[in-house]
Protein backbone atom coordinates (compact mmCIF):
# COMPACT_ATOMS: atom_id res chain seq x y z
CA MET A 1 0.00 0.00 0.00
CA ASP A 2 1.12 3.58 -0.63
CA GLN A 3 3.26 4.31 2.45
CA GLY A 4 2.45 7.99 2.20
CA LEU A 5 -1.27 7.28 2.47
CA ALA A 6 -0.82 5.21 5.62
CA GLU A 7 1.64 7.72 7.09
CA ARG A 8 -0.78 10.57 6.49
CA GLY A 9 -3.41 8.60 8.37
CA LEU A 10 -1.04 7.96 11.28
CA LEU A 11 0.25 11.55 11.33
CA GLN A 12 -3.27 12.91 11.16
CA ARG A 13 -4.32 10.75 14.10
CA SER A 14 -1.38 12.07 16.14
CA ILE A 15 -2.34 15.66 15.36
CA ASP A 16 -6.02 14.98 15.89
CA PHE A 17 -5.34 13.53 19.33
CA PHE A 18 -4.29 16.97 20.54
CA PHE A 19 -6.18 19.22 18.11
CA PRO A 20 -9.13 17.28 16.68
CA PRO A 21 -10.46 19.32 13.74
CA LYS A 22 -14.09 19.29 12.75
CA VAL A 23 -15.05 17.60 9.50
CA ALA A 24 -17.34 20.16 7.95
CA ASP A 25 -16.94 20.03 4.16
CA ILE A 26 -16.70 17.49 1.37
CA ALA A 27 -12.93 17.70 0.97
CA ALA A 28 -12.41 17.17 4.70
CA LEU A 29 -14.79 14.20 4.67
CA ARG A 30 -12.89 12.58 1.84
CA GLN A 31 -9.54 13.11 3.57
CA PHE A 32 -10.90 11.79 6.86
CA VAL A 33 -12.39 8.64 5.35
CA ALA A 34 -9.34 7.78 3.23
CA GLY A 35 -6.85 8.48 6.02
CA GLU A 36 -8.71 6.54 8.68
CA ALA A 37 -9.28 3.56 6.39
CA ALA A 38 -5.58 3.47 5.49
CA TYR A 39 -4.64 3.62 9.15
CA LEU A 40 -6.98 0.75 10.03
CA ALA A 41 -5.61 -1.42 7.22
CA GLN A 42 -1.99 -0.64 8.07
CA LYS A 43 -2.40 -1.18 11.80
CA SER A 44 -4.36 -4.40 11.46
CA VAL A 45 -2.17 -6.10 8.85
CA ILE A 46 1.22 -5.06 10.21
CA GLY A 47 0.17 -5.64 13.79
CA TYR A 48 -1.07 -9.15 13.07
CA CYS A 49 2.03 -10.10 11.08
CA ARG A 50 4.34 -8.74 13.77
CA VAL A 51 2.62 -10.76 16.46
CA LYS A 52 2.75 -13.96 14.42
CA THR A 53 6.39 -13.64 13.33
CA LEU A 54 7.83 -12.00 16.47
CA LEU A 55 11.55 -11.31 16.11
CA ALA A 56 11.60 -12.65 12.55
CA PHE A 57 9.46 -9.78 11.25
CA GLU A 58 12.31 -7.38 10.50
CA LYS A 59 14.21 -10.14 8.69
CA LEU A 60 11.13 -11.10 6.69
CA MET A 61 10.71 -7.47 5.63
CA LYS A 62 13.92 -7.90 3.65
CA GLU A 63 12.49 -10.87 1.75
CA LYS A 64 10.96 -9.89 -1.60
CA ILE A 65 8.24 -12.55 -1.61
CA PHE A 66 7.11 -11.61 1.90
CA THR A 67 6.97 -7.88 1.21
CA GLU A 68 5.11 -8.41 -2.06
CA LEU A 69 2.47 -10.55 -0.35
CA LEU A 70 2.28 -8.08 2.53
CA GLU A 71 1.62 -5.23 0.10
CA ILE A 72 -1.17 -7.19 -1.54
CA CYS A 73 -2.70 -7.86 1.85
CA ARG A 74 -2.47 -4.20 2.86
CA TRP A 75 -4.02 -2.91 -0.36
CA GLU A 76 -6.85 -5.41 -0.27
CA ALA A 77 -7.41 -4.68 3.41
CA PHE A 78 -7.57 -0.96 2.56
CA SER A 79 -10.26 -1.63 -0.03
CA MET A 80 -12.27 -3.31 2.73
CA THR A 81 -11.61 -0.87 5.57
CA LEU A 82 -12.57 1.94 3.21
CA ALA A 83 -15.90 0.24 2.59
CA ASP A 84 -16.40 -0.32 6.33
CA THR A 85 -15.55 3.29 7.14
CA LEU A 86 -18.02 4.65 4.59
CA ILE A 87 -20.78 2.36 5.87
CA VAL A 88 -20.20 3.51 9.44
CA ALA A 89 -20.02 7.14 8.30
CA GLU A 90 -23.35 6.81 6.50
CA GLY A 91 -24.96 5.48 9.66
CA CYS A 92 -23.45 8.31 11.67
CA LEU A 93 -24.59 11.05 9.28
CA ARG A 94 -27.92 9.58 8.14
CA PRO A 95 -30.61 12.29 8.30
CA ALA A 96 -34.34 11.84 8.78
CA ASP A 97 -35.14 13.71 5.57
CA MET A 98 -35.39 11.17 2.75
CA SER A 99 -34.03 13.38 -0.02
CA ALA A 100 -30.99 14.32 2.07
CA ARG A 101 -30.55 10.67 3.00
CA GLN A 102 -30.54 9.65 -0.66
CA ALA A 103 -28.06 12.40 -1.55
CA LEU A 104 -25.75 11.29 1.25
CA ALA A 105 -25.88 7.65 0.16
CA ALA A 106 -25.22 8.55 -3.47
CA HIS A 107 -22.22 10.69 -2.54
CA LEU A 108 -20.64 8.10 -0.26
CA ALA A 109 -21.22 5.34 -2.81
CA GLN A 110 -19.40 7.41 -5.43
CA LEU A 111 -16.65 8.35 -2.99
CA TYR A 112 -15.58 4.72 -2.57
CA GLY A 113 -14.67 4.29 -6.22
CA ASP A 114 -13.17 7.77 -6.47
CA ILE A 115 -10.73 7.06 -3.63
CA LEU A 116 -9.81 3.54 -4.74
CA ASN A 117 -9.25 4.59 -8.34
CA GLU A 118 -6.61 7.08 -7.22
CA HIS A 119 -4.37 4.07 -6.58
CA LYS A 120 -3.22 1.33 -8.95
CA PRO A 121 -0.98 -1.14 -7.11
CA PRO A 122 1.03 -3.62 -9.20
CA HIS A 123 -1.17 -6.59 -8.37
CA ARG A 124 -4.24 -4.76 -9.74
CA PRO A 125 -3.31 -3.68 -13.28
CA ASP A 126 -7.00 -3.69 -14.26
CA GLY A 127 -8.14 -1.61 -11.33
CA TRP A 128 -10.75 -2.13 -8.65
CA ALA A 129 -13.93 -2.90 -10.60
CA ASP A 130 -14.70 -6.04 -8.61
CA ARG A 131 -14.32 -4.33 -5.26
CA ILE A 132 -16.36 -1.34 -6.40
CA ALA A 133 -19.20 -3.57 -7.64
CA ALA A 134 -19.17 -5.53 -4.37
CA PHE A 135 -19.27 -2.33 -2.34
CA GLN A 136 -22.14 -0.88 -4.36
CA ALA A 137 -24.21 -3.99 -3.71
CA ARG A 138 -23.33 -4.06 -0.01
CA PHE A 139 -23.87 -0.33 0.46
CA ALA A 140 -27.24 -0.42 -1.27
CA LEU A 141 -28.42 -2.79 1.45
CA SER A 142 -26.68 -1.20 4.44
CA SER A 143 -27.90 2.31 3.63
CA GLN A 144 -31.50 1.07 3.68
CA ALA A 145 -31.18 -0.93 6.89
CA ALA A 146 -30.68 0.13 10.48
CA PRO A 147 -27.03 1.12 11.08
CA GLN A 148 -24.92 -1.86 12.14
CA PRO A 149 -22.81 -1.78 15.29
CA PRO A 150 -19.27 -0.80 14.20
CA GLU A 151 -17.78 -4.02 15.56
CA GLN A 152 -20.09 -6.02 13.27
CA VAL A 153 -19.29 -4.08 10.11
CA ILE A 154 -15.69 -5.35 9.96
CA LYS A 155 -16.33 -9.11 9.91
CA ASP A 156 -15.57 -9.62 6.20
CA THR A 157 -12.47 -7.44 6.48
CA ALA A 158 -11.10 -9.58 9.31
CA ALA A 159 -11.66 -12.72 7.24
CA LEU A 160 -9.85 -11.21 4.25
CA ILE A 161 -6.84 -10.18 6.34
CA LEU A 162 -6.64 -13.67 7.80
CA GLU A 163 -6.77 -15.17 4.30
CA LEU A 164 -4.19 -12.89 2.68
CA ALA A 165 -1.69 -12.30 5.49
CA PRO A 166 1.64 -13.87 4.45
CA ILE A 167 1.66 -16.26 7.39
CA HIS A 168 1.64 -20.06 7.14
CA THR A 169 -1.85 -21.51 7.39
CA LYS A 170 -0.93 -23.65 10.39
CA LEU A 171 -0.07 -20.51 12.34
CA LYS A 172 -3.41 -18.83 11.55
CA ARG A 173 -5.64 -21.31 13.36
CA ASN A 174 -8.26 -19.66 15.58
CA ASP A 175 -6.98 -16.18 14.69
CA LEU A 176 -10.14 -14.80 13.09
CA GLU A 177 -11.53 -13.67 16.43
CA VAL A 178 -8.23 -11.99 17.29
CA ILE A 179 -8.19 -9.95 14.08
CA ALA A 180 -11.90 -9.16 14.32
CA GLY A 181 -11.52 -8.09 17.93
CA ASP A 182 -8.72 -5.67 17.10
CA LEU A 183 -10.52 -4.27 14.07
CA GLY A 184 -13.80 -4.02 15.94
CA PHE A 185 -12.22 -2.12 18.82
CA ASN A 186 -10.66 0.38 16.44
CA MET A 187 -13.86 0.78 14.44
CA VAL A 188 -15.82 1.53 17.60
CA ALA A 189 -13.23 4.19 18.44
CA LEU A 190 -13.53 5.57 14.91
CA ARG A 191 -17.32 5.76 15.19
CA THR A 192 -16.91 7.72 18.43
CA SER A 193 -14.49 10.07 16.67
CA MET A 194 -17.00 10.59 13.85
CA GLY A 195 -19.67 11.55 16.36
CA LYS A 196 -17.39 14.17 17.89
CA ARG A 197 -15.84 15.57 14.72
CA PHE A 198 -18.51 15.42 12.03
CA ARG A 199 -20.48 18.63 11.63
CA ALA A 200 -23.44 16.80 10.21
CA ASP A 201 -25.53 19.82 9.26
CA ASP A 202 -22.69 21.42 7.31
CA LEU A 203 -21.73 18.17 5.59
CA LEU A 204 -25.30 17.34 4.60
CA ALA A 205 -25.90 20.86 3.32
CA ALA A 206 -22.76 20.66 1.16
CA ILE A 207 -23.66 17.21 -0.17
CA THR A 208 -27.25 18.13 -1.04
CA ARG A 209 -25.96 21.12 -3.03
CA LEU A 210 -23.90 18.84 -5.31
CA PRO A 211 -25.16 18.25 -8.86
CA ALA A 212 -27.23 15.07 -9.07
CA ALA A 213 -24.63 13.36 -11.29
CA ALA A 214 -21.78 13.90 -8.79
């Protein structure tokens, strides 16, 4: 995964800890979602691999096959944490007014593909069409249903990280709950951050003013 993207997420979290800015416009929303999703993917994948490999991790990071597989895992995890973050954000911002609710859902659905398509990692020469289609189908359902608890939203992401992490299968036994627990904890914290930092009225007003095709 683009190291700069993950580092921006980590740096932003450090700054936000002391000076948490409000998210009040479309550009800020996009930056927030992309940065937080990158941080979640980075933290979850690297953290899990470090725990499983212990002192061998630094040595493995010098092995080409390991780093290539790790990058694939991080990028694919990012595609999933981005989806999770947008679903949680929609539930956090969802207004009672139906037209505003539809405008919000349309904007966030479009935002997923816009962010992913900014990046073209080597293992995805043809882009992210499959992930985008899967998200559109998932988001169409989630945006019509009651908001899910944040710790439930990440279940598929945890399973994907377990599958793709460059760790021998025998060492992954019974680890799904560990990964899901870590992701769930961080997603709950992210949902709390959204509640504190999102200026919902300003964001919804900006989104409803967008052209219908945006």
